[in-house]
Protein backbone atom coordinates (compact mmCIF):
# COMPACT_ATOMS: atom_id res chain seq x y z
CA UNK A 1 0.00 0.00 0.00
CA UNK A 2 1.00 3.57 -0.61
CA UNK A 3 1.26 5.94 2.38
CA UNK A 4 0.54 8.97 0.18
CA UNK A 5 -3.01 10.38 0.42
CA UNK A 6 -5.03 10.11 -2.80
CA UNK A 7 -7.08 13.24 -2.29
CA UNK A 8 -5.51 16.69 -1.93
CA UNK A 9 -7.28 19.76 -0.61
CA UNK A 10 -5.92 23.23 -1.35
CA UNK A 11 -7.18 26.07 0.85
CA UNK A 12 -7.08 29.78 0.02
CA UNK A 13 -6.75 32.18 2.93
CA UNK A 14 -6.61 35.95 3.13
CA UNK A 15 -4.34 37.77 5.60
CA UNK A 16 -5.79 37.17 9.03
CA UNK A 17 -6.48 33.49 8.33
CA UNK A 18 -10.02 33.63 6.94
CA UNK A 19 -10.65 30.77 4.49
CA UNK A 20 -12.09 32.19 1.26
CA UNK A 21 -11.95 29.16 -1.02
CA UNK A 22 -10.87 25.60 -1.52
CA UNK A 23 -10.27 23.05 -4.24
CA UNK A 24 -9.79 19.30 -4.00
CA UNK A 25 -8.30 16.90 -6.50
CA UNK A 26 -7.23 13.29 -6.86
CA UNK A 27 -4.73 11.62 -9.21
CA UNK A 28 -6.14 9.22 -11.79
CA UNK A 29 -4.71 7.14 -14.61
CA UNK A 30 -6.07 7.48 -18.12
CA UNK A 31 -6.31 4.07 -19.73
CA UNK A 32 -6.87 5.77 -23.10
CA UNK A 33 -3.76 8.00 -22.97
CA UNK A 34 -1.75 5.80 -20.56
CA UNK A 35 -0.77 8.76 -18.40
CA UNK A 36 -1.63 10.33 -15.09
CA UNK A 37 -3.87 13.38 -14.65
CA UNK A 38 -5.69 15.19 -11.83
CA UNK A 39 -9.44 15.02 -11.39
CA UNK A 40 -10.74 18.20 -9.73
CA UNK A 41 -13.60 17.08 -7.51
CA UNK A 42 -14.62 20.33 -5.81
CA UNK A 43 -14.05 24.05 -6.07
CA UNK A 44 -15.57 26.79 -3.97
CA UNK A 45 -14.77 30.45 -3.57
CA UNK A 46 -16.39 33.25 -1.58
CA UNK A 47 -18.35 35.40 -4.05
CA UNK A 48 -17.09 38.68 -2.60
CA UNK A 49 -13.44 37.64 -2.85
CA UNK A 50 -11.42 39.63 -5.37
CA UNK A 51 -9.76 37.44 -8.00
CA UNK A 52 -12.10 34.49 -7.52
CA UNK A 53 -13.37 34.54 -11.11
CA UNK A 54 -9.85 34.48 -12.51
CA UNK A 55 -8.92 31.54 -10.24
CA UNK A 56 -11.45 29.39 -12.11
CA UNK A 57 -9.87 30.04 -15.52
């Protein structure tokens, strides 16, 4: 077994420690392309947070 976690969660904070967004992903293997890729399973961002729209691009 692998000791590495399969799911990763990235958290966005503003100065002061308030969490304003998060994204989670998990590595997968494409049987069609025979290579690894990340599946993004969740994304959330506070609507009033500046730069949130560009983070989704």
